[in-house]
Amino acid sequence: MSQLFTPDGRYLIVRGRLWRTSNPDLPSDQRQALVQGLMQARRAVRQALAQGDSGQLAQARAAVHAAKVALGERGPVWWTDGSPDFNRHLARNTPYADWYRRQQG
C-alpha cells in the first residue's frame, strides 16, 4: 500500500486523517539526527510503559514531543503562506475533502 500525501506535501493521510509531515527544508543531516532522537524517545516510552515508571514515561513523552516539534510535525507550521493547520483533522472535513474523495476512487 502506497502512502498518500496531500498535493502540497503538508500532510500524510492515514485512515482518512491528516498528519503533518516533517519540514522538507530541514537539512538532511539535521533531519536524520532528529529522527534518530525521535526513535530513541519512542523506545524510552515503550520501556517506561513496560516498567510502569510514570516519571520516566513523562520524560520520554516530552522527548517525543520535542523531536516532533523540531521536525515540524507539531507546534508552529513550517509553511509560510498563512494557510491554517489541519493536523489530525479528518480529510473529509478540510479543504482537501474533494481531492481526497477523488483519491478514494
PDB file of N, CA and C in Angstrom:
ATOM      1  N   MET A   1       0.851  -1.178   0.000  1.00  0.00           N
ATOM      2  CA  MET A   1       0.000   0.000   0.000  1.00  0.00           C
ATOM      3  C   MET A   1       0.895   1.240   0.000  1.00  0.00           C
ATOM      4  N   SER A   2       0.651   2.133  -0.930  1.00  0.00           N
ATOM      5  CA  SER A   2       1.453   3.348  -1.004  1.00  0.00           C
ATOM      6  C   SER A   2       0.902   4.404  -0.051  1.00  0.00           C
ATOM      7  N   GLN A   3       1.786   5.289   0.343  1.00  0.00           N
ATOM      8  CA  GLN A   3       1.372   6.364   1.232  1.00  0.00           C
ATOM      9  C   GLN A   3       0.731   7.464   0.406  1.00  0.00           C
ATOM     10  N   LEU A   4      -0.256   8.111   0.998  1.00  0.00           N
ATOM     11  CA  LEU A   4      -0.972   9.181   0.318  1.00  0.00           C
ATOM     12  C   LEU A   4      -0.649  10.503   0.995  1.00  0.00           C
ATOM     13  N   PHE A   5      -0.056  11.399   0.230  1.00  0.00           N
ATOM     14  CA  PHE A   5       0.271  12.736   0.701  1.00  0.00           C
ATOM     15  C   PHE A   5      -0.618  13.741  -0.023  1.00  0.00           C
ATOM     16  N   THR A   6      -0.970  14.815   0.689  1.00  0.00           N
ATOM     17  CA  THR A   6      -1.745  15.869   0.036  1.00  0.00           C
ATOM     18  C   THR A   6      -0.907  16.483  -1.083  1.00  0.00           C
ATOM     19  N   PRO A   7      -1.560  17.081  -2.091  1.00  0.00           N
ATOM     20  CA  PRO A   7      -0.816  17.633  -3.225  1.00  0.00           C
ATOM     21  C   PRO A   7       0.250  18.652  -2.833  1.00  0.00           C
ATOM     22  N   ASP A   8       0.045  19.378  -1.731  1.00  0.00           N
ATOM     23  CA  ASP A   8       1.026  20.371  -1.300  1.00  0.00           C
ATOM     24  C   ASP A   8       2.118  19.766  -0.424  1.00  0.00           C
ATOM     25  N   GLY A   9       2.025  18.470  -0.125  1.00  0.00           N
ATOM     26  CA  GLY A   9       3.048  17.784   0.655  1.00  0.00           C
ATOM     27  C   GLY A   9       3.033  18.083   2.143  1.00  0.00           C
ATOM     28  N   ARG A  10       2.016  18.770   2.606  1.00  0.00           N
ATOM     29  CA  ARG A  10       1.973  19.158   4.015  1.00  0.00           C
ATOM     30  C   ARG A  10       1.498  18.043   4.935  1.00  0.00           C
ATOM     31  N   TYR A  11       0.739  17.103   4.391  1.00  0.00           N
ATOM     32  CA  TYR A  11       0.139  16.063   5.235  1.00  0.00           C
ATOM     33  C   TYR A  11       0.261  14.686   4.596  1.00  0.00           C
ATOM     34  N   LEU A  12       0.389  13.705   5.466  1.00  0.00           N
ATOM     35  CA  LEU A  12       0.256  12.300   5.127  1.00  0.00           C
ATOM     36  C   LEU A  12      -1.137  11.901   5.598  1.00  0.00           C
ATOM     37  N   ILE A  13      -1.855  11.110   4.813  1.00  0.00           N
ATOM     38  CA  ILE A  13      -3.192  10.698   5.206  1.00  0.00           C
ATOM     39  C   ILE A  13      -3.145   9.249   5.670  1.00  0.00           C
ATOM     40  N   VAL A  14      -3.589   9.038   6.905  1.00  0.00           N
ATOM     41  CA  VAL A  14      -3.646   7.712   7.499  1.00  0.00           C
ATOM     42  C   VAL A  14      -5.075   7.480   7.984  1.00  0.00           C
ATOM     43  N   ARG A  15      -5.724   6.466   7.407  1.00  0.00           N
ATOM     44  CA  ARG A  15      -7.118   6.140   7.748  1.00  0.00           C
ATOM     45  C   ARG A  15      -8.005   7.387   7.712  1.00  0.00           C
ATOM     46  N   GLY A  16      -7.808   8.208   6.677  1.00  0.00           N
ATOM     47  CA  GLY A  16      -8.657   9.369   6.461  1.00  0.00           C
ATOM     48  C   GLY A  16      -8.302  10.601   7.271  1.00  0.00           C
ATOM     49  N   ARG A  17      -7.259  10.517   8.077  1.00  0.00           N
ATOM     50  CA  ARG A  17      -6.874  11.635   8.945  1.00  0.00           C
ATOM     51  C   ARG A  17      -5.562  12.248   8.449  1.00  0.00           C
ATOM     52  N   LEU A  18      -5.488  13.575   8.503  1.00  0.00           N
ATOM     53  CA  LEU A  18      -4.288  14.299   8.090  1.00  0.00           C
ATOM     54  C   LEU A  18      -3.264  14.329   9.225  1.00  0.00           C
ATOM     55  N   TRP A  19      -2.031  13.996   8.895  1.00  0.00           N
ATOM     56  CA  TRP A  19      -0.915  14.077   9.845  1.00  0.00           C
ATOM     57  C   TRP A  19       0.167  14.918   9.193  1.00  0.00           C
ATOM     58  N   ARG A  20       0.571  15.983   9.874  1.00  0.00           N
ATOM     59  CA  ARG A  20       1.549  16.905   9.307  1.00  0.00           C
ATOM     60  C   ARG A  20       2.881  16.199   9.045  1.00  0.00           C
ATOM     61  N   THR A  21       3.454  16.476   7.894  1.00  0.00           N
ATOM     62  CA  THR A  21       4.752  15.915   7.545  1.00  0.00           C
ATOM     63  C   THR A  21       5.870  16.779   8.122  1.00  0.00           C
ATOM     64  N   SER A  22       7.061  16.230   8.104  1.00  0.00           N
ATOM     65  CA  SER A  22       8.235  16.973   8.551  1.00  0.00           C
ATOM     66  C   SER A  22       8.532  18.117   7.586  1.00  0.00           C
ATOM     67  N   ASN A  23       9.202  19.112   8.092  1.00  0.00           N
ATOM     68  CA  ASN A  23       9.597  20.267   7.287  1.00  0.00           C
ATOM     69  C   ASN A  23      10.572  19.800   6.201  1.00  0.00           C
ATOM     70  N   PRO A  24      10.204  19.932   4.931  1.00  0.00           N
ATOM     71  CA  PRO A  24      11.090  19.476   3.854  1.00  0.00           C
ATOM     72  C   PRO A  24      12.339  20.341   3.698  1.00  0.00           C
ATOM     73  N   ASP A  25      12.367  21.498   4.330  1.00  0.00           N
ATOM     74  CA  ASP A  25      13.522  22.385   4.211  1.00  0.00           C
ATOM     75  C   ASP A  25      14.608  22.105   5.247  1.00  0.00           C
ATOM     76  N   LEU A  26      14.383  21.123   6.132  1.00  0.00           N
ATOM     77  CA  LEU A  26      15.426  20.779   7.098  1.00  0.00           C
ATOM     78  C   LEU A  26      16.601  20.137   6.361  1.00  0.00           C
ATOM     79  N   PRO A  27      17.820  20.524   6.700  1.00  0.00           N
ATOM     80  CA  PRO A  27      18.977  19.844   6.100  1.00  0.00           C
ATOM     81  C   PRO A  27      18.936  18.352   6.444  1.00  0.00           C
ATOM     82  N   SER A  28      19.359  17.516   5.519  1.00  0.00           N
ATOM     83  CA  SER A  28      19.226  16.068   5.702  1.00  0.00           C
ATOM     84  C   SER A  28      19.949  15.555   6.939  1.00  0.00           C
ATOM     85  N   ASP A  29      21.116  16.109   7.265  1.00  0.00           N
ATOM     86  CA  ASP A  29      21.825  15.635   8.460  1.00  0.00           C
ATOM     87  C   ASP A  29      21.070  16.023   9.735  1.00  0.00           C
ATOM     88  N   GLN A  30      20.458  17.191   9.740  1.00  0.00           N
ATOM     89  CA  GLN A  30      19.661  17.613  10.890  1.00  0.00           C
ATOM     90  C   GLN A  30      18.413  16.744  11.015  1.00  0.00           C
ATOM     91  N   ARG A  31      17.751  16.494   9.889  1.00  0.00           N
ATOM     92  CA  ARG A  31      16.563  15.635   9.890  1.00  0.00           C
ATOM     93  C   ARG A  31      16.925  14.252  10.416  1.00  0.00           C
ATOM     94  N   GLN A  32      18.032  13.704   9.949  1.00  0.00           N
ATOM     95  CA  GLN A  32      18.463  12.368  10.376  1.00  0.00           C
ATOM     96  C   GLN A  32      18.679  12.330  11.889  1.00  0.00           C
ATOM     97  N   ALA A  33      19.348  13.340  12.426  1.00  0.00           N
ATOM     98  CA  ALA A  33      19.602  13.387  13.870  1.00  0.00           C
ATOM     99  C   ALA A  33      18.292  13.498  14.651  1.00  0.00           C
ATOM    100  N   LEU A  34      17.375  14.307  14.155  1.00  0.00           N
ATOM    101  CA  LEU A  34      16.085  14.464  14.836  1.00  0.00           C
ATOM    102  C   LEU A  34      15.263  13.175  14.796  1.00  0.00           C
ATOM    103  N   VAL A  35      15.273  12.492  13.658  1.00  0.00           N
ATOM    104  CA  VAL A  35      14.547  11.227  13.542  1.00  0.00           C
ATOM    105  C   VAL A  35      15.160  10.182  14.467  1.00  0.00           C
ATOM    106  N   GLN A  36      16.477  10.139  14.535  1.00  0.00           N
ATOM    107  CA  GLN A  36      17.127   9.196  15.451  1.00  0.00           C
ATOM    108  C   GLN A  36      16.743   9.497  16.899  1.00  0.00           C
ATOM    109  N   GLY A  37      16.700  10.777  17.262  1.00  0.00           N
ATOM    110  CA  GLY A  37      16.276  11.163  18.600  1.00  0.00           C
ATOM    111  C   GLY A  37      14.830  10.786  18.865  1.00  0.00           C
ATOM    112  N   LEU A  38      13.982  10.948  17.865  1.00  0.00           N
ATOM    113  CA  LEU A  38      12.576  10.576  17.987  1.00  0.00           C
ATOM    114  C   LEU A  38      12.435   9.073  18.222  1.00  0.00           C
ATOM    115  N   MET A  39      13.171   8.287  17.460  1.00  0.00           N
ATOM    116  CA  MET A  39      13.093   6.833  17.622  1.00  0.00           C
ATOM    117  C   MET A  39      13.600   6.410  19.009  1.00  0.00           C
ATOM    118  N   GLN A  40      14.651   7.050  19.477  1.00  0.00           N
ATOM    119  CA  GLN A  40      15.171   6.761  20.815  1.00  0.00           C
ATOM    120  C   GLN A  40      14.126   7.117  21.880  1.00  0.00           C
ATOM    121  N   ALA A  41      13.474   8.248  21.712  1.00  0.00           N
ATOM    122  CA  ALA A  41      12.444   8.666  22.669  1.00  0.00           C
ATOM    123  C   ALA A  41      11.253   7.712  22.644  1.00  0.00           C
ATOM    124  N   ARG A  42      10.888   7.233  21.469  1.00  0.00           N
ATOM    125  CA  ARG A  42       9.780   6.273  21.378  1.00  0.00           C
ATOM    126  C   ARG A  42      10.138   4.953  22.066  1.00  0.00           C
ATOM    127  N   ARG A  43      11.384   4.537  21.915  1.00  0.00           N
ATOM    128  CA  ARG A  43      11.824   3.326  22.630  1.00  0.00           C
ATOM    129  C   ARG A  43      11.755   3.550  24.134  1.00  0.00           C
ATOM    130  N   ALA A  44      12.113   4.750  24.576  1.00  0.00           N
ATOM    131  CA  ALA A  44      12.055   5.073  26.005  1.00  0.00           C
ATOM    132  C   ALA A  44      10.617   5.060  26.511  1.00  0.00           C
ATOM    133  N   VAL A  45       9.677   5.505  25.685  1.00  0.00           N
ATOM    134  CA  VAL A  45       8.257   5.446  26.059  1.00  0.00           C
ATOM    135  C   VAL A  45       7.857   3.985  26.254  1.00  0.00           C
ATOM    136  N   ARG A  46       8.206   3.154  25.298  1.00  0.00           N
ATOM    137  CA  ARG A  46       7.848   1.739  25.376  1.00  0.00           C
ATOM    138  C   ARG A  46       8.441   1.089  26.633  1.00  0.00           C
ATOM    139  N   GLN A  47       9.694   1.411  26.920  1.00  0.00           N
ATOM    140  CA  GLN A  47      10.353   0.844  28.095  1.00  0.00           C
ATOM    141  C   GLN A  47       9.692   1.333  29.389  1.00  0.00           C
ATOM    142  N   ALA A  48       9.388   2.621  29.461  1.00  0.00           N
ATOM    143  CA  ALA A  48       8.753   3.183  30.660  1.00  0.00           C
ATOM    144  C   ALA A  48       7.375   2.567  30.880  1.00  0.00           C
ATOM    145  N   LEU A  49       6.636   2.350  29.799  1.00  0.00           N
ATOM    146  CA  LEU A  49       5.329   1.704  29.921  1.00  0.00           C
ATOM    147  C   LEU A  49       5.479   0.281  30.451  1.00  0.00           C
ATOM    148  N   ALA A  50       6.459  -0.442  29.923  1.00  0.00           N
ATOM    149  CA  ALA A  50       6.681  -1.824  30.359  1.00  0.00           C
ATOM    150  C   ALA A  50       7.078  -1.897  31.829  1.00  0.00           C
ATOM    151  N   GLN A  51       7.806  -0.877  32.282  1.00  0.00           N
ATOM    152  CA  GLN A  51       8.279  -0.868  33.669  1.00  0.00           C
ATOM    153  C   GLN A  51       7.284  -0.194  34.615  1.00  0.00           C
ATOM    154  N   GLY A  52       6.265   0.439  34.044  1.00  0.00           N
ATOM    155  CA  GLY A  52       5.292   1.137  34.882  1.00  0.00           C
ATOM    156  C   GLY A  52       5.877   2.344  35.595  1.00  0.00           C
ATOM    157  N   ASP A  53       6.858   2.983  34.967  1.00  0.00           N
ATOM    158  CA  ASP A  53       7.559   4.118  35.575  1.00  0.00           C
ATOM    159  C   ASP A  53       6.968   5.426  35.046  1.00  0.00           C
ATOM    160  N   SER A  54       6.087   6.043  35.822  1.00  0.00           N
ATOM    161  CA  SER A  54       5.390   7.233  35.348  1.00  0.00           C
ATOM    162  C   SER A  54       6.318   8.432  35.171  1.00  0.00           C
ATOM    163  N   GLY A  55       7.340   8.544  35.992  1.00  0.00           N
ATOM    164  CA  GLY A  55       8.290   9.647  35.843  1.00  0.00           C
ATOM    165  C   GLY A  55       9.082   9.539  34.547  1.00  0.00           C
ATOM    166  N   GLN A  56       9.581   8.341  34.259  1.00  0.00           N
ATOM    167  CA  GLN A  56      10.317   8.117  33.011  1.00  0.00           C
ATOM    168  C   GLN A  56       9.398   8.260  31.804  1.00  0.00           C
ATOM    169  N   LEU A  57       8.156   7.830  31.976  1.00  0.00           N
ATOM    170  CA  LEU A  57       7.196   7.946  30.884  1.00  0.00           C
ATOM    171  C   LEU A  57       6.957   9.408  30.526  1.00  0.00           C
ATOM    172  N   ALA A  58       6.796  10.245  31.519  1.00  0.00           N
ATOM    173  CA  ALA A  58       6.584  11.674  31.264  1.00  0.00           C
ATOM    174  C   ALA A  58       7.788  12.279  30.557  1.00  0.00           C
ATOM    175  N   GLN A  59       8.985  11.910  30.987  1.00  0.00           N
ATOM    176  CA  GLN A  59      10.196  12.429  30.340  1.00  0.00           C
ATOM    177  C   GLN A  59      10.299  11.951  28.902  1.00  0.00           C
ATOM    178  N   ALA A  60      10.001  10.673  28.686  1.00  0.00           N
ATOM    179  CA  ALA A  60      10.098  10.112  27.344  1.00  0.00           C
ATOM    180  C   ALA A  60       9.067  10.748  26.410  1.00  0.00           C
ATOM    181  N   ARG A  61       7.862  10.928  26.905  1.00  0.00           N
ATOM    182  CA  ARG A  61       6.836  11.557  26.064  1.00  0.00           C
ATOM    183  C   ARG A  61       7.186  13.009  25.757  1.00  0.00           C
ATOM    184  N   ALA A  62       7.801  13.688  26.698  1.00  0.00           N
ATOM    185  CA  ALA A  62       8.256  15.068  26.448  1.00  0.00           C
ATOM    186  C   ALA A  62       9.340  15.079  25.373  1.00  0.00           C
ATOM    187  N   ALA A  63      10.204  14.068  25.384  1.00  0.00           N
ATOM    188  CA  ALA A  63      11.261  13.978  24.368  1.00  0.00           C
ATOM    189  C   ALA A  63      10.661  13.701  22.986  1.00  0.00           C
ATOM    190  N   VAL A  64       9.639  12.848  22.925  1.00  0.00           N
ATOM    191  CA  VAL A  64       8.954  12.596  21.650  1.00  0.00           C
ATOM    192  C   VAL A  64       8.353  13.896  21.130  1.00  0.00           C
ATOM    193  N   HIS A  65       7.665  14.613  22.007  1.00  0.00           N
ATOM    194  CA  HIS A  65       7.041  15.870  21.597  1.00  0.00           C
ATOM    195  C   HIS A  65       8.090  16.870  21.096  1.00  0.00           C
ATOM    196  N   ALA A  66       9.177  17.009  21.825  1.00  0.00           N
ATOM    197  CA  ALA A  66      10.227  17.953  21.428  1.00  0.00           C
ATOM    198  C   ALA A  66      10.807  17.599  20.054  1.00  0.00           C
ATOM    199  N   ALA A  67      11.013  16.319  19.801  1.00  0.00           N
ATOM    200  CA  ALA A  67      11.544  15.902  18.499  1.00  0.00           C
ATOM    201  C   ALA A  67      10.543  16.207  17.394  1.00  0.00           C
ATOM    202  N   LYS A  68       9.261  15.957  17.641  1.00  0.00           N
ATOM    203  CA  LYS A  68       8.242  16.222  16.628  1.00  0.00           C
ATOM    204  C   LYS A  68       8.102  17.727  16.356  1.00  0.00           C
ATOM    205  N   VAL A  69       8.243  18.541  17.376  1.00  0.00           N
ATOM    206  CA  VAL A  69       8.214  19.992  17.174  1.00  0.00           C
ATOM    207  C   VAL A  69       9.413  20.411  16.324  1.00  0.00           C
ATOM    208  N   ALA A  70      10.588  19.885  16.653  1.00  0.00           N
ATOM    209  CA  ALA A  70      11.796  20.234  15.900  1.00  0.00           C
ATOM    210  C   ALA A  70      11.696  19.788  14.440  1.00  0.00           C
ATOM    211  N   LEU A  71      11.022  18.670  14.193  1.00  0.00           N
ATOM    212  CA  LEU A  71      10.833  18.190  12.823  1.00  0.00           C
ATOM    213  C   LEU A  71       9.761  18.986  12.066  1.00  0.00           C
ATOM    214  N   GLY A  72       8.933  19.713  12.801  1.00  0.00           N
ATOM    215  CA  GLY A  72       7.863  20.480  12.176  1.00  0.00           C
ATOM    216  C   GLY A  72       6.542  19.740  12.130  1.00  0.00           C
ATOM    217  N   GLU A  73       6.480  18.554  12.743  1.00  0.00           N
ATOM    218  CA  GLU A  73       5.246  17.764  12.731  1.00  0.00           C
ATOM    219  C   GLU A  73       4.238  18.246  13.769  1.00  0.00           C
ATOM    220  N   ARG A  74       4.703  18.992  14.745  1.00  0.00           N
ATOM    221  CA  ARG A  74       3.851  19.612  15.763  1.00  0.00           C
ATOM    222  C   ARG A  74       4.343  21.035  15.961  1.00  0.00           C
ATOM    223  N   GLY A  75       3.589  21.798  16.735  1.00  0.00           N
ATOM    224  CA  GLY A  75       3.991  23.176  17.007  1.00  0.00           C
ATOM    225  C   GLY A  75       3.693  24.080  15.828  1.00  0.00           C
ATOM    226  N   PRO A  76       4.439  25.156  15.694  1.00  0.00           N
ATOM    227  CA  PRO A  76       4.198  26.093  14.589  1.00  0.00           C
ATOM    228  C   PRO A  76       4.366  25.410  13.228  1.00  0.00           C
ATOM    229  N   VAL A  77       3.531  25.778  12.280  1.00  0.00           N
ATOM    230  CA  VAL A  77       3.631  25.181  10.943  1.00  0.00           C
ATOM    231  C   VAL A  77       4.926  25.623  10.277  1.00  0.00           C
ATOM    232  N   TRP A  78       5.402  24.798   9.356  1.00  0.00           N
ATOM    233  CA  TRP A  78       6.650  25.115   8.672  1.00  0.00           C
ATOM    234  C   TRP A  78       6.429  25.872   7.363  1.00  0.00           C
ATOM    235  N   TRP A  79       5.202  25.942   6.894  1.00  0.00           N
ATOM    236  CA  TRP A  79       4.958  26.696   5.663  1.00  0.00           C
ATOM    237  C   TRP A  79       4.716  28.164   6.012  1.00  0.00           C
ATOM    238  N   THR A  80       4.870  29.010   5.007  1.00  0.00           N
ATOM    239  CA  THR A  80       4.877  30.456   5.267  1.00  0.00           C
ATOM    240  C   THR A  80       3.770  31.222   4.548  1.00  0.00           C
ATOM    241  N   ASP A  81       2.825  30.523   3.940  1.00  0.00           N
ATOM    242  CA  ASP A  81       1.793  31.231   3.171  1.00  0.00           C
ATOM    243  C   ASP A  81       0.562  31.606   3.990  1.00  0.00           C
ATOM    244  N   GLY A  82       0.596  31.342   5.280  1.00  0.00           N
ATOM    245  CA  GLY A  82      -0.513  31.714   6.147  1.00  0.00           C
ATOM    246  C   GLY A  82      -1.667  30.725   6.185  1.00  0.00           C
ATOM    247  N   SER A  83      -1.540  29.618   5.463  1.00  0.00           N
ATOM    248  CA  SER A  83      -2.609  28.609   5.472  1.00  0.00           C
ATOM    249  C   SER A  83      -2.743  28.000   6.861  1.00  0.00           C
ATOM    250  N   PRO A  84      -3.986  27.692   7.261  1.00  0.00           N
ATOM    251  CA  PRO A  84      -4.186  27.097   8.585  1.00  0.00           C
ATOM    252  C   PRO A  84      -3.659  25.662   8.648  1.00  0.00           C
ATOM    253  N   ASP A  85      -3.518  25.188   9.858  1.00  0.00           N
ATOM    254  CA  ASP A  85      -3.048  23.836  10.099  1.00  0.00           C
ATOM    255  C   ASP A  85      -4.245  22.906  10.303  1.00  0.00           C
ATOM    256  N   PHE A  86      -4.281  21.819   9.562  1.00  0.00           N
ATOM    257  CA  PHE A  86      -5.346  20.834   9.700  1.00  0.00           C
ATOM    258  C   PHE A  86      -4.814  19.512  10.248  1.00  0.00           C
ATOM    259  N   ASN A  87      -3.698  19.573  10.973  1.00  0.00           N
ATOM    260  CA  ASN A  87      -3.112  18.367  11.550  1.00  0.00           C
ATOM    261  C   ASN A  87      -4.148  17.638  12.407  1.00  0.00           C
ATOM    262  N   ARG A  88      -4.242  16.345  12.197  1.00  0.00           N
ATOM    263  CA  ARG A  88      -5.122  15.428  12.927  1.00  0.00           C
ATOM    264  C   ARG A  88      -6.606  15.572  12.573  1.00  0.00           C
ATOM    265  N   HIS A  89      -6.947  16.430  11.625  1.00  0.00           N
ATOM    266  CA  HIS A  89      -8.340  16.552  11.186  1.00  0.00           C
ATOM    267  C   HIS A  89      -8.648  15.429  10.189  1.00  0.00           C
ATOM    268  N   LEU A  90      -9.894  15.042  10.133  1.00  0.00           N
ATOM    269  CA  LEU A  90     -10.318  14.127   9.083  1.00  0.00           C
ATOM    270  C   LEU A  90     -10.273  14.871   7.757  1.00  0.00           C
ATOM    271  N   ALA A  91      -9.699  14.238   6.742  1.00  0.00           N
ATOM    272  CA  ALA A  91      -9.555  14.883   5.435  1.00  0.00           C
ATOM    273  C   ALA A  91     -10.900  15.351   4.895  1.00  0.00           C
ATOM    274  N   ARG A  92     -11.950  14.594   5.147  1.00  0.00           N
ATOM    275  CA  ARG A  92     -13.276  14.941   4.618  1.00  0.00           C
ATOM    276  C   ARG A  92     -13.832  16.228   5.224  1.00  0.00           C
ATOM    277  N   ASN A  93     -13.239  16.697   6.321  1.00  0.00           N
ATOM    278  CA  ASN A  93     -13.706  17.917   6.982  1.00  0.00           C
ATOM    279  C   ASN A  93     -12.763  19.093   6.759  1.00  0.00           C
ATOM    280  N   THR A  94     -11.964  19.034   5.726  1.00  0.00           N
ATOM    281  CA  THR A  94     -10.970  20.072   5.450  1.00  0.00           C
ATOM    282  C   THR A  94     -11.085  20.529   4.000  1.00  0.00           C
ATOM    283  N   PRO A  95     -10.334  21.546   3.623  1.00  0.00           N
ATOM    284  CA  PRO A  95     -10.331  21.961   2.217  1.00  0.00           C
ATOM    285  C   PRO A  95      -9.798  20.877   1.269  1.00  0.00           C
ATOM    286  N   TYR A  96      -9.200  19.811   1.799  1.00  0.00           N
ATOM    287  CA  TYR A  96      -8.711  18.708   0.978  1.00  0.00           C
ATOM    288  C   TYR A  96      -9.816  17.695   0.670  1.00  0.00           C
ATOM    289  N   ALA A  97     -11.027  17.917   1.138  1.00  0.00           N
ATOM    290  CA  ALA A  97     -12.105  16.929   1.053  1.00  0.00           C
ATOM    291  C   ALA A  97     -12.374  16.465  -0.376  1.00  0.00           C
ATOM    292  N   ASP A  98     -12.556  17.387  -1.311  1.00  0.00           N
ATOM    293  CA  ASP A  98     -12.857  16.988  -2.689  1.00  0.00           C
ATOM    294  C   ASP A  98     -11.701  16.203  -3.295  1.00  0.00           C
ATOM    295  N   TRP A  99     -10.492  16.689  -3.089  1.00  0.00           N
ATOM    296  CA  TRP A  99      -9.312  15.978  -3.584  1.00  0.00           C
ATOM    297  C   TRP A  99      -9.242  14.570  -2.986  1.00  0.00           C
ATOM    298  N   TYR A 100      -9.457  14.457  -1.693  1.00  0.00           N
ATOM    299  CA  TYR A 100      -9.374  13.173  -1.008  1.00  0.00           C
ATOM    300  C   TYR A 100     -10.450  12.213  -1.531  1.00  0.00           C
ATOM    301  N   ARG A 101     -11.630  12.705  -1.726  1.00  0.00           N
ATOM    302  CA  ARG A 101     -12.721  11.878  -2.245  1.00  0.00           C
ATOM    303  C   ARG A 101     -12.351  11.321  -3.633  1.00  0.00           C
ATOM    304  N   ARG A 102     -11.728  12.137  -4.464  1.00  0.00           N
ATOM    305  CA  ARG A 102     -11.298  11.666  -5.793  1.00  0.00           C
ATOM    306  C   ARG A 102     -10.220  10.586  -5.690  1.00  0.00           C
ATOM    307  N   GLN A 103      -9.404  10.643  -4.658  1.00  0.00           N
ATOM    308  CA  GLN A 103      -8.342   9.654  -4.477  1.00  0.00           C
ATOM    309  C   GLN A 103      -8.903   8.292  -4.074  1.00  0.00           C
ATOM    310  N   GLN A 104     -10.079   8.306  -3.468  1.00  0.00           N
ATOM    311  CA  GLN A 104     -10.692   7.075  -2.992  1.00  0.00           C
ATOM    312  C   GLN A 104     -11.291   6.237  -4.103  1.00  0.00           C
ATOM    313  N   GLY A 105     -11.351   6.804  -5.296  1.00  0.00           N
ATOM    314  CA  GLY A 105     -11.770   6.061  -6.456  1.00  0.00           C
ATOM    315  C   GLY A 105     -13.214   5.979  -6.634  1.00  0.00           C
TER     316      GLY A 105
END
